[in-house]
PDB file of N, CA and C in Angstrom:
ATOM      1  N   UNK A   1      -0.508 -14.241   1.269  1.00  0.00           N
ATOM      2  CA  UNK A   1      -1.461 -13.592   2.140  1.00  0.00           C
ATOM      3  C   UNK A   1      -2.398 -12.744   1.276  1.00  0.00           C
ATOM      4  N   UNK A   2      -3.671 -12.773   1.633  1.00  0.00           N
ATOM      5  CA  UNK A   2      -4.621 -11.965   0.882  1.00  0.00           C
ATOM      6  C   UNK A   2      -4.438 -10.489   1.224  1.00  0.00           C
ATOM      7  N   UNK A   3      -4.867  -9.648   0.307  1.00  0.00           N
ATOM      8  CA  UNK A   3      -4.753  -8.210   0.538  1.00  0.00           C
ATOM      9  C   UNK A   3      -5.539  -7.796   1.780  1.00  0.00           C
ATOM     10  N   UNK A   4      -6.717  -8.373   1.971  1.00  0.00           N
ATOM     11  CA  UNK A   4      -7.542  -8.003   3.117  1.00  0.00           C
ATOM     12  C   UNK A   4      -6.822  -8.260   4.433  1.00  0.00           C
ATOM     13  N   UNK A   5      -6.053  -9.313   4.476  1.00  0.00           N
ATOM     14  CA  UNK A   5      -5.395  -9.691   5.725  1.00  0.00           C
ATOM     15  C   UNK A   5      -4.311  -8.687   6.127  1.00  0.00           C
ATOM     16  N   UNK A   6      -3.404  -8.344   5.217  1.00  0.00           N
ATOM     17  CA  UNK A   6      -2.371  -7.374   5.595  1.00  0.00           C
ATOM     18  C   UNK A   6      -2.959  -5.984   5.730  1.00  0.00           C
ATOM     19  N   UNK A   7      -3.943  -5.646   4.884  1.00  0.00           N
ATOM     20  CA  UNK A   7      -4.564  -4.327   4.932  1.00  0.00           C
ATOM     21  C   UNK A   7      -5.175  -4.065   6.314  1.00  0.00           C
ATOM     22  N   UNK A   8      -5.825  -5.069   6.864  1.00  0.00           N
ATOM     23  CA  UNK A   8      -6.489  -4.908   8.162  1.00  0.00           C
ATOM     24  C   UNK A   8      -5.490  -4.691   9.296  1.00  0.00           C
ATOM     25  N   UNK A   9      -4.235  -5.014   9.080  1.00  0.00           N
ATOM     26  CA  UNK A   9      -3.216  -4.854  10.106  1.00  0.00           C
ATOM     27  C   UNK A   9      -2.546  -3.473  10.072  1.00  0.00           C
ATOM     28  N   UNK A  10      -2.859  -2.675   9.060  1.00  0.00           N
ATOM     29  CA  UNK A  10      -2.278  -1.331   8.965  1.00  0.00           C
ATOM     30  C   UNK A  10      -3.044  -0.367   9.862  1.00  0.00           C
ATOM     31  N   UNK A  11      -2.379   0.700  10.281  1.00  0.00           N
ATOM     32  CA  UNK A  11      -3.074   1.736  11.036  1.00  0.00           C
ATOM     33  C   UNK A  11      -4.073   2.423  10.111  1.00  0.00           C
ATOM     34  N   UNK A  12      -5.087   3.021  10.699  1.00  0.00           N
ATOM     35  CA  UNK A  12      -6.079   3.723   9.879  1.00  0.00           C
ATOM     36  C   UNK A  12      -5.424   4.888   9.130  1.00  0.00           C
ATOM     37  N   UNK A  13      -4.410   5.502   9.733  1.00  0.00           N
ATOM     38  CA  UNK A  13      -3.708   6.594   9.071  1.00  0.00           C
ATOM     39  C   UNK A  13      -2.987   6.112   7.809  1.00  0.00           C
ATOM     40  N   UNK A  14      -2.365   4.945   7.908  1.00  0.00           N
ATOM     41  CA  UNK A  14      -1.659   4.392   6.740  1.00  0.00           C
ATOM     42  C   UNK A  14      -2.643   3.997   5.657  1.00  0.00           C
ATOM     43  N   UNK A  15      -3.753   3.365   6.030  1.00  0.00           N
ATOM     44  CA  UNK A  15      -4.771   3.001   5.036  1.00  0.00           C
ATOM     45  C   UNK A  15      -5.302   4.253   4.338  1.00  0.00           C
ATOM     46  N   UNK A  16      -5.576   5.296   5.112  1.00  0.00           N
ATOM     47  CA  UNK A  16      -6.074   6.544   4.527  1.00  0.00           C
ATOM     48  C   UNK A  16      -5.047   7.140   3.576  1.00  0.00           C
ATOM     49  N   UNK A  17      -3.779   7.143   3.984  1.00  0.00           N
ATOM     50  CA  UNK A  17      -2.742   7.694   3.114  1.00  0.00           C
ATOM     51  C   UNK A  17      -2.669   6.906   1.814  1.00  0.00           C
ATOM     52  N   UNK A  18      -2.703   5.582   1.908  1.00  0.00           N
ATOM     53  CA  UNK A  18      -2.605   4.760   0.702  1.00  0.00           C
ATOM     54  C   UNK A  18      -3.790   4.982  -0.236  1.00  0.00           C
ATOM     55  N   UNK A  19      -4.971   5.162   0.321  1.00  0.00           N
ATOM     56  CA  UNK A  19      -6.146   5.439  -0.508  1.00  0.00           C
ATOM     57  C   UNK A  19      -6.029   6.819  -1.150  1.00  0.00           C
ATOM     58  N   UNK A  20      -5.689   7.816  -0.348  1.00  0.00           N
ATOM     59  CA  UNK A  20      -5.623   9.192  -0.849  1.00  0.00           C
ATOM     60  C   UNK A  20      -4.477   9.413  -1.829  1.00  0.00           C
ATOM     61  N   UNK A  21      -3.437   8.599  -1.748  1.00  0.00           N
ATOM     62  CA  UNK A  21      -2.242   8.797  -2.565  1.00  0.00           C
ATOM     63  C   UNK A  21      -1.929   7.570  -3.424  1.00  0.00           C
ATOM     64  N   UNK A  22      -2.954   6.824  -3.770  1.00  0.00           N
ATOM     65  CA  UNK A  22      -2.774   5.592  -4.530  1.00  0.00           C
ATOM     66  C   UNK A  22      -2.008   5.861  -5.820  1.00  0.00           C
ATOM     67  N   UNK A  23      -0.945   5.115  -6.024  1.00  0.00           N
ATOM     68  CA  UNK A  23      -0.111   5.266  -7.216  1.00  0.00           C
ATOM     69  C   UNK A  23       1.116   6.120  -6.986  1.00  0.00           C
ATOM     70  N   UNK A  24       1.127   6.883  -5.884  1.00  0.00           N
ATOM     71  CA  UNK A  24       2.288   7.715  -5.560  1.00  0.00           C
ATOM     72  C   UNK A  24       3.375   6.856  -4.919  1.00  0.00           C
ATOM     73  N   UNK A  25       4.559   7.428  -4.837  1.00  0.00           N
ATOM     74  CA  UNK A  25       5.646   6.762  -4.120  1.00  0.00           C
ATOM     75  C   UNK A  25       5.224   6.570  -2.666  1.00  0.00           C
ATOM     76  N   UNK A  26       5.476   5.396  -2.133  1.00  0.00           N
ATOM     77  CA  UNK A  26       5.069   5.060  -0.769  1.00  0.00           C
ATOM     78  C   UNK A  26       6.188   5.453   0.194  1.00  0.00           C
ATOM     79  N   UNK A  27       5.848   6.252   1.222  1.00  0.00           N
ATOM     80  CA  UNK A  27       6.878   6.633   2.198  1.00  0.00           C
ATOM     81  C   UNK A  27       7.478   5.411   2.887  1.00  0.00           C
ATOM     82  N   UNK A  28       8.719   5.547   3.272  1.00  0.00           N
ATOM     83  CA  UNK A  28       9.437   4.444   3.910  1.00  0.00           C
ATOM     84  C   UNK A  28       8.709   3.891   5.129  1.00  0.00           C
ATOM     85  N   UNK A  29       8.125   4.767   5.939  1.00  0.00           N
ATOM     86  CA  UNK A  29       7.439   4.315   7.154  1.00  0.00           C
ATOM     87  C   UNK A  29       6.230   3.439   6.830  1.00  0.00           C
ATOM     88  N   UNK A  30       5.486   3.794   5.800  1.00  0.00           N
ATOM     89  CA  UNK A  30       4.325   2.990   5.410  1.00  0.00           C
ATOM     90  C   UNK A  30       4.778   1.712   4.723  1.00  0.00           C
ATOM     91  N   UNK A  31       5.810   1.790   3.919  1.00  0.00           N
ATOM     92  CA  UNK A  31       6.357   0.584   3.282  1.00  0.00           C
ATOM     93  C   UNK A  31       6.798  -0.420   4.341  1.00  0.00           C
ATOM     94  N   UNK A  32       7.426   0.058   5.405  1.00  0.00           N
ATOM     95  CA  UNK A  32       7.865  -0.826   6.487  1.00  0.00           C
ATOM     96  C   UNK A  32       6.670  -1.439   7.203  1.00  0.00           C
ATOM     97  N   UNK A  33       5.611  -0.656   7.404  1.00  0.00           N
ATOM     98  CA  UNK A  33       4.409  -1.172   8.059  1.00  0.00           C
ATOM     99  C   UNK A  33       3.741  -2.246   7.205  1.00  0.00           C
ATOM    100  N   UNK A  34       3.658  -2.004   5.901  1.00  0.00           N
ATOM    101  CA  UNK A  34       3.080  -2.990   4.978  1.00  0.00           C
ATOM    102  C   UNK A  34       3.900  -4.275   5.009  1.00  0.00           C
ATOM    103  N   UNK A  35       5.200  -4.150   4.983  1.00  0.00           N
ATOM    104  CA  UNK A  35       6.074  -5.315   5.020  1.00  0.00           C
ATOM    105  C   UNK A  35       5.896  -6.099   6.315  1.00  0.00           C
ATOM    106  N   UNK A  36       5.841  -5.393   7.440  1.00  0.00           N
ATOM    107  CA  UNK A  36       5.673  -6.054   8.738  1.00  0.00           C
ATOM    108  C   UNK A  36       4.324  -6.762   8.841  1.00  0.00           C
ATOM    109  N   UNK A  37       3.326  -6.258   8.119  1.00  0.00           N
ATOM    110  CA  UNK A  37       2.002  -6.869   8.128  1.00  0.00           C
ATOM    111  C   UNK A  37       1.897  -8.035   7.153  1.00  0.00           C
ATOM    112  N   UNK A  38       2.976  -8.305   6.411  1.00  0.00           N
ATOM    113  CA  UNK A  38       2.969  -9.404   5.452  1.00  0.00           C
ATOM    114  C   UNK A  38       2.435  -9.013   4.097  1.00  0.00           C
ATOM    115  N   UNK A  39       2.402  -7.709   3.831  1.00  0.00           N
ATOM    116  CA  UNK A  39       1.882  -7.224   2.560  1.00  0.00           C
ATOM    117  C   UNK A  39       2.847  -7.425   1.415  1.00  0.00           C
ATOM    118  N   UNK A  40       2.434  -7.007   0.236  1.00  0.00           N
ATOM    119  CA  UNK A  40       3.245  -7.209  -0.964  1.00  0.00           C
ATOM    120  C   UNK A  40       4.496  -6.347  -0.955  1.00  0.00           C
ATOM    121  N   UNK A  41       5.497  -6.840  -1.639  1.00  0.00           N
ATOM    122  CA  UNK A  41       6.726  -6.072  -1.790  1.00  0.00           C
ATOM    123  C   UNK A  41       6.462  -4.889  -2.698  1.00  0.00           C
ATOM    124  N   UNK A  42       7.216  -3.842  -2.474  1.00  0.00           N
ATOM    125  CA  UNK A  42       7.138  -2.668  -3.325  1.00  0.00           C
ATOM    126  C   UNK A  42       8.296  -2.708  -4.301  1.00  0.00           C
ATOM    127  N   UNK A  43       8.101  -2.109  -5.454  1.00  0.00           N
ATOM    128  CA  UNK A  43       9.160  -2.054  -6.444  1.00  0.00           C
ATOM    129  C   UNK A  43       9.767  -0.659  -6.443  1.00  0.00           C
ATOM    130  N   UNK A  44      11.045  -0.599  -6.698  1.00  0.00           N
ATOM    131  CA  UNK A  44      11.731   0.697  -6.752  1.00  0.00           C
ATOM    132  C   UNK A  44      11.682   1.242  -8.159  1.00  0.00           C
ATOM    133  N   UNK A  45      11.374   2.521  -8.239  1.00  0.00           N
ATOM    134  CA  UNK A  45      11.403   3.233  -9.515  1.00  0.00           C
ATOM    135  C   UNK A  45      12.362   4.380  -9.320  1.00  0.00           C
ATOM    136  N   UNK A  46      13.454   4.346 -10.001  1.00  0.00           N
ATOM    137  CA  UNK A  46      14.504   5.314  -9.738  1.00  0.00           C
ATOM    138  C   UNK A  46      15.341   4.800  -8.589  1.00  0.00           C
ATOM    139  N   UNK A  47      15.975   5.692  -7.889  1.00  0.00           N
ATOM    140  CA  UNK A  47      16.890   5.256  -6.842  1.00  0.00           C
ATOM    141  C   UNK A  47      16.209   5.022  -5.501  1.00  0.00           C
ATOM    142  N   UNK A  48      15.111   5.738  -5.217  1.00  0.00           N
ATOM    143  CA  UNK A  48      14.534   5.618  -3.883  1.00  0.00           C
ATOM    144  C   UNK A  48      13.027   5.457  -3.840  1.00  0.00           C
ATOM    145  N   UNK A  49      12.312   5.790  -4.885  1.00  0.00           N
ATOM    146  CA  UNK A  49      10.851   5.746  -4.847  1.00  0.00           C
ATOM    147  C   UNK A  49      10.344   4.312  -4.893  1.00  0.00           C
ATOM    148  N   UNK A  50       9.487   3.973  -3.938  1.00  0.00           N
ATOM    149  CA  UNK A  50       8.903   2.634  -3.884  1.00  0.00           C
ATOM    150  C   UNK A  50       7.428   2.731  -4.240  1.00  0.00           C
ATOM    151  N   UNK A  51       6.968   1.812  -5.078  1.00  0.00           N
ATOM    152  CA  UNK A  51       5.584   1.781  -5.529  1.00  0.00           C
ATOM    153  C   UNK A  51       5.058   0.347  -5.449  1.00  0.00           C
ATOM    154  N   UNK A  52       3.737   0.227  -5.333  1.00  0.00           N
ATOM    155  CA  UNK A  52       3.103  -1.077  -5.430  1.00  0.00           C
ATOM    156  C   UNK A  52       2.957  -1.463  -6.894  1.00  0.00           C
ATOM    157  N   UNK A  53       2.871  -2.749  -7.134  1.00  0.00           N
ATOM    158  CA  UNK A  53       2.582  -3.250  -8.480  1.00  0.00           C
ATOM    159  C   UNK A  53       1.154  -2.848  -8.847  1.00  0.00           C
ATOM    160  N   UNK A  54       0.833  -2.915 -10.144  1.00  0.00           N
ATOM    161  CA  UNK A  54      -0.475  -2.493 -10.636  1.00  0.00           C
ATOM    162  C   UNK A  54      -1.629  -3.212  -9.949  1.00  0.00           C
ATOM    163  N   UNK A  55      -1.496  -4.510  -9.706  1.00  0.00           N
ATOM    164  CA  UNK A  55      -2.618  -5.245  -9.119  1.00  0.00           C
ATOM    165  C   UNK A  55      -2.937  -4.746  -7.712  1.00  0.00           C
ATOM    166  N   UNK A  56      -1.937  -4.338  -6.955  1.00  0.00           N
ATOM    167  CA  UNK A  56      -2.163  -3.818  -5.607  1.00  0.00           C
ATOM    168  C   UNK A  56      -2.808  -2.429  -5.694  1.00  0.00           C
ATOM    169  N   UNK A  57      -2.330  -1.602  -6.597  1.00  0.00           N
ATOM    170  CA  UNK A  57      -2.935  -0.276  -6.779  1.00  0.00           C
ATOM    171  C   UNK A  57      -4.390  -0.406  -7.212  1.00  0.00           C
ATOM    172  N   UNK A  58      -4.680  -1.363  -8.088  1.00  0.00           N
ATOM    173  CA  UNK A  58      -6.066  -1.597  -8.515  1.00  0.00           C
ATOM    174  C   UNK A  58      -6.923  -2.031  -7.328  1.00  0.00           C
ATOM    175  N   UNK A  59      -6.374  -2.899  -6.474  1.00  0.00           N
ATOM    176  CA  UNK A  59      -7.113  -3.375  -5.309  1.00  0.00           C
ATOM    177  C   UNK A  59      -7.383  -2.218  -4.349  1.00  0.00           C
ATOM    178  N   UNK A  60      -6.403  -1.349  -4.120  1.00  0.00           N
ATOM    179  CA  UNK A  60      -6.604  -0.193  -3.236  1.00  0.00           C
ATOM    180  C   UNK A  60      -7.662   0.728  -3.824  1.00  0.00           C
ATOM    181  N   UNK A  61      -7.678   0.891  -5.127  1.00  0.00           N
ATOM    182  CA  UNK A  61      -8.708   1.701  -5.761  1.00  0.00           C
ATOM    183  C   UNK A  61     -10.090   1.116  -5.524  1.00  0.00           C
ATOM    184  N   UNK A  62     -10.217  -0.207  -5.591  1.00  0.00           N
ATOM    185  CA  UNK A  62     -11.487  -0.854  -5.299  1.00  0.00           C
ATOM    186  C   UNK A  62     -11.931  -0.567  -3.864  1.00  0.00           C
ATOM    187  N   UNK A  63     -10.988  -0.635  -2.927  1.00  0.00           N
ATOM    188  CA  UNK A  63     -11.289  -0.333  -1.530  1.00  0.00           C
ATOM    189  C   UNK A  63     -11.765   1.108  -1.408  1.00  0.00           C
ATOM    190  N   UNK A  64     -11.078   2.027  -2.063  1.00  0.00           N
ATOM    191  CA  UNK A  64     -11.450   3.443  -2.009  1.00  0.00           C
ATOM    192  C   UNK A  64     -12.856   3.677  -2.533  1.00  0.00           C
ATOM    193  N   UNK A  65     -13.227   2.956  -3.564  1.00  0.00           N
ATOM    194  CA  UNK A  65     -14.556   3.122  -4.154  1.00  0.00           C
ATOM    195  C   UNK A  65     -15.657   2.586  -3.261  1.00  0.00           C
ATOM    196  N   UNK A  66     -15.328   1.673  -2.356  1.00  0.00           N
ATOM    197  CA  UNK A  66     -16.319   1.119  -1.425  1.00  0.00           C
ATOM    198  C   UNK A  66     -16.535   2.017  -0.217  1.00  0.00           C
ATOM    199  N   UNK A  67     -15.562   2.885   0.084  1.00  0.00           N
ATOM    200  CA  UNK A  67     -15.665   3.724   1.280  1.00  0.00           C
ATOM    201  C   UNK A  67     -16.378   5.022   1.017  1.00  0.00           C
TER     202      UNK A  67
END
């Protein structure tokens, strides 16, 4: 699935959080929403912190720069 497709299925609050906190650990609620929308899997760093891979973070940064 393309990034645009799952991204468009997120709530505006989740999209805003991901843009404002790009690169930070993703809260469980947003990770679940991304998963339900068919988005990319998150990787665990440490025991509980979930993060997107670099290519997804780069894509979110591109989106942020357009807004």
